[in-house]
Amino acid sequence: MTRRNSTSMLLLAAAASLVLACGGCKKAEESPPPAPPAKPANPVKPPVQAQASSAQSVASVNPSLDFSGRKDPFKPFIQPKAEKPAAASGSIPAAGALPIQGYPVEQFKVSGIIAGFKENKALIVDPAGKGYVVKAGMKMGNNNGVIMRITPSYLEVAERVRNDVTGKISRRLVKLALPKKN
């Protein structure tokens, strides 16, 4: 055989196998099986005998619900702690007042004073142990005292106090001194 004949024979064999392979891929479509005939619906028949007592069936079907033995799902798990005795002795601040305005001025202790270039600041501690950084002009105490000035050794608070006997309002200056070093 010649080279030309062998190449053409090879191409002819490849084309024939390709035609047979593509032609064999088609499947004959089968028609779907016919649907079974629909069954007629059975009509609902009324009961032969009526109930003897409707009150008994209502009580057994819908029992009364009693939730008195159940736990309240909206009640918090953790109970709030009781108020501290110092806070319960009339030191609760009025509505809209700061916590620093909940105690008398005399009960505060000065822990430190910071002397700055423009203004001085002081660290004061309330009877509950909470600390506050204050500066001149801030309110403190349950009598609406105003911090007048802060020096390197003490804090001066001006309060307006009503006299119980006469009912007149007078101004009172309270000095809170920084404790001396030992």
C-alpha atoms as a PDB file:
ATOM      1  CA  MET A   1       0.000   0.000   0.000  1.00  0.00           C
ATOM      2  CA  THR A   2       0.982   3.398  -0.657  1.00  0.00           C
ATOM      3  CA  ARG A   3       1.158   6.125   1.754  1.00  0.00           C
ATOM      4  CA  ARG A   4      -1.746   7.953   0.171  1.00  0.00           C
ATOM      5  CA  ASN A   5      -4.009   4.932   0.334  1.00  0.00           C
ATOM      6  CA  SER A   6      -3.160   4.234   3.953  1.00  0.00           C
ATOM      7  CA  THR A   7      -3.909   7.837   4.947  1.00  0.00           C
ATOM      8  CA  SER A   8      -7.232   7.858   3.116  1.00  0.00           C
ATOM      9  CA  MET A   9      -8.154   4.484   4.605  1.00  0.00           C
ATOM     10  CA  LEU A  10      -7.381   5.814   8.056  1.00  0.00           C
ATOM     11  CA  LEU A  11      -9.508   8.915   7.493  1.00  0.00           C
ATOM     12  CA  LEU A  12     -12.360   6.813   6.107  1.00  0.00           C
ATOM     13  CA  ALA A  13     -12.291   4.525   9.159  1.00  0.00           C
ATOM     14  CA  ALA A  14     -12.291   7.517  11.533  1.00  0.00           C
ATOM     15  CA  ALA A  15     -15.240   9.128   9.719  1.00  0.00           C
ATOM     16  CA  ALA A  16     -17.215   5.873   9.718  1.00  0.00           C
ATOM     17  CA  SER A  17     -16.673   5.335  13.436  1.00  0.00           C
ATOM     18  CA  LEU A  18     -17.698   8.948  14.093  1.00  0.00           C
ATOM     19  CA  VAL A  19     -20.918   8.557  12.087  1.00  0.00           C
ATOM     20  CA  LEU A  20     -21.779   5.330  13.865  1.00  0.00           C
ATOM     21  CA  ALA A  21     -21.039   6.838  17.262  1.00  0.00           C
ATOM     22  CA  CYS A  22     -23.163   9.943  16.626  1.00  0.00           C
ATOM     23  CA  GLY A  23     -25.960   8.021  15.024  1.00  0.00           C
ATOM     24  CA  GLY A  24     -26.212   5.603  17.935  1.00  0.00           C
ATOM     25  CA  CYS A  25     -26.731   8.421  20.492  1.00  0.00           C
ATOM     26  CA  LYS A  26     -30.318   9.083  19.555  1.00  0.00           C
ATOM     27  CA  LYS A  27     -32.876   7.317  21.688  1.00  0.00           C
ATOM     28  CA  ALA A  28     -36.381   6.608  20.670  1.00  0.00           C
ATOM     29  CA  GLU A  29     -38.792   8.758  22.671  1.00  0.00           C
ATOM     30  CA  GLU A  30     -41.266   6.776  24.680  1.00  0.00           C
ATOM     31  CA  SER A  31     -44.707   8.141  25.295  1.00  0.00           C
ATOM     32  CA  PRO A  32     -45.595   8.662  28.968  1.00  0.00           C
ATOM     33  CA  PRO A  33     -47.893   6.044  30.482  1.00  0.00           C
ATOM     34  CA  PRO A  34     -51.556   7.038  30.513  1.00  0.00           C
ATOM     35  CA  ALA A  35     -52.843   8.590  33.755  1.00  0.00           C
ATOM     36  CA  PRO A  36     -55.016   6.332  35.896  1.00  0.00           C
ATOM     37  CA  PRO A  37     -58.684   7.258  35.912  1.00  0.00           C
ATOM     38  CA  ALA A  38     -59.721   9.647  38.711  1.00  0.00           C
ATOM     39  CA  LYS A  39     -61.564   8.096  41.630  1.00  0.00           C
ATOM     40  CA  PRO A  40     -64.783   9.765  42.683  1.00  0.00           C
ATOM     41  CA  ALA A  41     -64.567  11.508  46.092  1.00  0.00           C
ATOM     42  CA  ASN A  42     -66.542   9.889  48.872  1.00  0.00           C
ATOM     43  CA  PRO A  43     -69.014  12.359  50.364  1.00  0.00           C
ATOM     44  CA  VAL A  44     -68.722  12.922  54.134  1.00  0.00           C
ATOM     45  CA  LYS A  45     -71.550  11.268  55.949  1.00  0.00           C
ATOM     46  CA  PRO A  46     -73.090  12.932  59.003  1.00  0.00           C
ATOM     47  CA  PRO A  47     -72.667  11.017  62.298  1.00  0.00           C
ATOM     48  CA  VAL A  48     -75.366   8.510  63.040  1.00  0.00           C
ATOM     49  CA  GLN A  49     -75.737   9.380  66.722  1.00  0.00           C
ATOM     50  CA  ALA A  50     -75.415  12.839  68.346  1.00  0.00           C
ATOM     51  CA  GLN A  51     -73.298  13.402  71.466  1.00  0.00           C
ATOM     52  CA  ALA A  52     -75.052  12.855  74.738  1.00  0.00           C
ATOM     53  CA  SER A  53     -73.624  15.867  76.631  1.00  0.00           C
ATOM     54  CA  SER A  54     -71.729  18.755  75.080  1.00  0.00           C
ATOM     55  CA  ALA A  55     -70.599  20.120  78.478  1.00  0.00           C
ATOM     56  CA  GLN A  56     -68.511  17.034  79.205  1.00  0.00           C
ATOM     57  CA  SER A  57     -66.770  17.111  75.842  1.00  0.00           C
ATOM     58  CA  VAL A  58     -65.872  20.809  76.151  1.00  0.00           C
ATOM     59  CA  ALA A  59     -64.328  20.285  79.580  1.00  0.00           C
ATOM     60  CA  SER A  60     -62.268  17.342  78.391  1.00  0.00           C
ATOM     61  CA  VAL A  61     -61.165  18.968  75.125  1.00  0.00           C
ATOM     62  CA  ASN A  62     -60.201  22.415  76.536  1.00  0.00           C
ATOM     63  CA  PRO A  63     -58.927  22.046  80.120  1.00  0.00           C
ATOM     64  CA  SER A  64     -58.467  25.220  82.172  1.00  0.00           C
ATOM     65  CA  LEU A  65     -54.918  26.563  82.126  1.00  0.00           C
ATOM     66  CA  ASP A  66     -53.273  27.270  85.471  1.00  0.00           C
ATOM     67  CA  PHE A  67     -49.891  29.045  85.378  1.00  0.00           C
ATOM     68  CA  SER A  68     -49.627  29.801  89.094  1.00  0.00           C
ATOM     69  CA  GLY A  69     -47.006  27.086  89.593  1.00  0.00           C
ATOM     70  CA  ARG A  70     -44.895  28.255  86.639  1.00  0.00           C
ATOM     71  CA  LYS A  71     -41.892  30.575  86.700  1.00  0.00           C
ATOM     72  CA  ASP A  72     -42.332  34.110  85.328  1.00  0.00           C
ATOM     73  CA  PRO A  73     -40.258  34.297  82.096  1.00  0.00           C
ATOM     74  CA  PHE A  74     -39.891  38.090  82.337  1.00  0.00           C
ATOM     75  CA  LYS A  75     -38.439  38.156  85.847  1.00  0.00           C
ATOM     76  CA  PRO A  76     -34.628  38.599  85.829  1.00  0.00           C
ATOM     77  CA  PHE A  77     -32.458  35.732  87.041  1.00  0.00           C
ATOM     78  CA  ILE A  78     -30.164  37.976  89.094  1.00  0.00           C
ATOM     79  CA  GLN A  79     -31.823  39.916  91.880  1.00  0.00           C
ATOM     80  CA  PRO A  80     -30.488  43.464  92.423  1.00  0.00           C
ATOM     81  CA  LYS A  81     -28.363  43.977  95.515  1.00  0.00           C
ATOM     82  CA  ALA A  82     -29.738  45.885  98.467  1.00  0.00           C
ATOM     83  CA  GLU A  83     -28.808  49.563  98.725  1.00  0.00           C
ATOM     84  CA  LYS A  84     -25.756  50.419 100.808  1.00  0.00           C
ATOM     85  CA  PRO A  85     -26.595  51.954 104.201  1.00  0.00           C
ATOM     86  CA  ALA A  86     -24.811  55.218 103.320  1.00  0.00           C
ATOM     87  CA  ALA A  87     -26.823  55.563 100.118  1.00  0.00           C
ATOM     88  CA  ALA A  88     -30.097  54.673 101.830  1.00  0.00           C
ATOM     89  CA  SER A  89     -29.786  57.472 104.422  1.00  0.00           C
ATOM     90  CA  GLY A  90     -31.360  60.160 102.264  1.00  0.00           C
ATOM     91  CA  SER A  91     -28.448  60.506  99.841  1.00  0.00           C
ATOM     92  CA  ILE A  92     -30.374  59.543  96.731  1.00  0.00           C
ATOM     93  CA  PRO A  93     -29.939  62.385  94.214  1.00  0.00           C
ATOM     94  CA  ALA A  94     -33.001  64.084  92.787  1.00  0.00           C
ATOM     95  CA  ALA A  95     -34.189  63.260  89.281  1.00  0.00           C
ATOM     96  CA  GLY A  96     -31.757  64.648  86.707  1.00  0.00           C
ATOM     97  CA  ALA A  97     -28.992  65.180  89.321  1.00  0.00           C
ATOM     98  CA  LEU A  98     -25.543  63.669  89.049  1.00  0.00           C
ATOM     99  CA  PRO A  99     -24.349  60.943  91.452  1.00  0.00           C
ATOM    100  CA  ILE A 100     -21.901  63.447  92.948  1.00  0.00           C
ATOM    101  CA  GLN A 101     -24.920  65.444  94.148  1.00  0.00           C
ATOM    102  CA  GLY A 102     -26.267  62.585  96.257  1.00  0.00           C
ATOM    103  CA  TYR A 103     -24.219  63.075  99.439  1.00  0.00           C
ATOM    104  CA  PRO A 104     -23.594  65.999 101.800  1.00  0.00           C
ATOM    105  CA  VAL A 105     -20.407  67.917 100.972  1.00  0.00           C
ATOM    106  CA  GLU A 106     -18.839  67.121 104.358  1.00  0.00           C
ATOM    107  CA  GLN A 107     -18.841  63.373 103.590  1.00  0.00           C
ATOM    108  CA  PHE A 108     -16.524  63.729 100.563  1.00  0.00           C
ATOM    109  CA  LYS A 109     -12.765  63.207 100.994  1.00  0.00           C
ATOM    110  CA  VAL A 110     -10.110  64.913  98.890  1.00  0.00           C
ATOM    111  CA  SER A 111      -7.644  62.332  97.554  1.00  0.00           C
ATOM    112  CA  GLY A 112      -5.489  64.572  95.417  1.00  0.00           C
ATOM    113  CA  ILE A 113      -5.195  67.969  93.762  1.00  0.00           C
ATOM    114  CA  ILE A 114      -3.678  68.545  90.335  1.00  0.00           C
ATOM    115  CA  ALA A 115      -2.265  72.050  89.860  1.00  0.00           C
ATOM    116  CA  GLY A 116      -2.380  72.948  86.181  1.00  0.00           C
ATOM    117  CA  PHE A 117      -1.355  76.002  84.147  1.00  0.00           C
ATOM    118  CA  LYS A 118      -4.888  77.236  83.460  1.00  0.00           C
ATOM    119  CA  GLU A 119      -6.919  75.575  86.186  1.00  0.00           C
ATOM    120  CA  ASN A 120      -6.620  73.193  89.092  1.00  0.00           C
ATOM    121  CA  LYS A 121      -8.471  69.894  89.338  1.00  0.00           C
ATOM    122  CA  ALA A 122      -9.188  67.721  92.352  1.00  0.00           C
ATOM    123  CA  LEU A 123      -9.895  64.043  92.883  1.00  0.00           C
ATOM    124  CA  ILE A 124     -12.615  63.540  95.482  1.00  0.00           C
ATOM    125  CA  VAL A 125     -14.070  60.280  96.809  1.00  0.00           C
ATOM    126  CA  ASP A 126     -17.701  59.882  97.927  1.00  0.00           C
ATOM    127  CA  PRO A 127     -18.748  57.767 100.970  1.00  0.00           C
ATOM    128  CA  ALA A 128     -19.438  54.781  98.691  1.00  0.00           C
ATOM    129  CA  GLY A 129     -15.809  54.838  97.496  1.00  0.00           C
ATOM    130  CA  LYS A 130     -16.389  56.163  93.973  1.00  0.00           C
ATOM    131  CA  GLY A 131     -13.921  58.805  92.785  1.00  0.00           C
ATOM    132  CA  TYR A 132     -14.639  61.957  90.764  1.00  0.00           C
ATOM    133  CA  VAL A 133     -12.341  64.466  89.078  1.00  0.00           C
ATOM    134  CA  VAL A 134     -13.784  67.950  89.624  1.00  0.00           C
ATOM    135  CA  LYS A 135     -12.864  71.502  88.680  1.00  0.00           C
ATOM    136  CA  ALA A 136     -14.047  74.954  89.705  1.00  0.00           C
ATOM    137  CA  GLY A 137     -17.659  75.718  88.759  1.00  0.00           C
ATOM    138  CA  MET A 138     -18.947  72.140  89.009  1.00  0.00           C
ATOM    139  CA  LYS A 139     -21.855  71.239  91.302  1.00  0.00           C
ATOM    140  CA  MET A 140     -21.467  68.765  94.137  1.00  0.00           C
ATOM    141  CA  GLY A 141     -23.342  67.842  97.294  1.00  0.00           C
ATOM    142  CA  ASN A 142     -27.047  67.397  97.968  1.00  0.00           C
ATOM    143  CA  ASN A 143     -27.544  71.151  98.655  1.00  0.00           C
ATOM    144  CA  ASN A 144     -26.469  72.115  95.102  1.00  0.00           C
ATOM    145  CA  GLY A 145     -23.063  73.329  96.244  1.00  0.00           C
ATOM    146  CA  VAL A 146     -20.752  74.891  93.666  1.00  0.00           C
ATOM    147  CA  ILE A 147     -16.983  74.455  93.754  1.00  0.00           C
ATOM    148  CA  MET A 148     -15.677  78.020  94.071  1.00  0.00           C
ATOM    149  CA  ARG A 149     -11.934  77.406  93.921  1.00  0.00           C
ATOM    150  CA  ILE A 150      -9.300  74.726  94.156  1.00  0.00           C
ATOM    151  CA  THR A 151      -5.976  75.574  95.784  1.00  0.00           C
ATOM    152  CA  PRO A 152      -2.968  73.250  96.154  1.00  0.00           C
ATOM    153  CA  SER A 153      -4.056  72.395  99.720  1.00  0.00           C
ATOM    154  CA  TYR A 154      -7.872  72.545  99.854  1.00  0.00           C
ATOM    155  CA  LEU A 155     -11.155  72.673  97.916  1.00  0.00           C
ATOM    156  CA  GLU A 156     -13.767  75.369  98.650  1.00  0.00           C
ATOM    157  CA  VAL A 157     -17.490  74.672  98.065  1.00  0.00           C
ATOM    158  CA  ALA A 158     -20.280  77.260  98.437  1.00  0.00           C
ATOM    159  CA  GLU A 159     -23.734  75.936  99.361  1.00  0.00           C
ATOM    160  CA  ARG A 160     -27.094  77.617  99.773  1.00  0.00           C
ATOM    161  CA  VAL A 161     -28.678  76.265 102.944  1.00  0.00           C
ATOM    162  CA  ARG A 162     -32.189  76.972 104.250  1.00  0.00           C
ATOM    163  CA  ASN A 163     -32.360  77.729 107.963  1.00  0.00           C
ATOM    164  CA  ASP A 164     -34.909  75.452 109.669  1.00  0.00           C
ATOM    165  CA  VAL A 165     -36.027  78.052 112.227  1.00  0.00           C
ATOM    166  CA  THR A 166     -36.306  81.236 110.154  1.00  0.00           C
ATOM    167  CA  GLY A 167     -36.669  79.670 106.704  1.00  0.00           C
ATOM    168  CA  LYS A 168     -34.105  82.069 105.209  1.00  0.00           C
ATOM    169  CA  ILE A 169     -31.588  80.846 102.663  1.00  0.00           C
ATOM    170  CA  SER A 170     -27.982  81.557 103.608  1.00  0.00           C
ATOM    171  CA  ARG A 171     -24.670  80.879 101.880  1.00  0.00           C
ATOM    172  CA  ARG A 172     -22.244  78.507 103.575  1.00  0.00           C
ATOM    173  CA  LEU A 173     -18.602  77.888 102.598  1.00  0.00           C
ATOM    174  CA  VAL A 174     -17.210  74.400 103.166  1.00  0.00           C
ATOM    175  CA  LYS A 175     -13.478  73.705 102.911  1.00  0.00           C
ATOM    176  CA  LEU A 176     -12.358  70.183 102.117  1.00  0.00           C
ATOM    177  CA  ALA A 177      -8.658  69.942 102.957  1.00  0.00           C
ATOM    178  CA  LEU A 178      -6.161  67.610 101.362  1.00  0.00           C
ATOM    179  CA  PRO A 179      -4.828  65.227 104.062  1.00  0.00           C
ATOM    180  CA  LYS A 180      -1.245  65.903 105.127  1.00  0.00           C
ATOM    181  CA  LYS A 181       1.499  63.420 104.275  1.00  0.00           C
ATOM    182  CA  ASN A 182       2.888  61.362 107.159  1.00  0.00           C
END
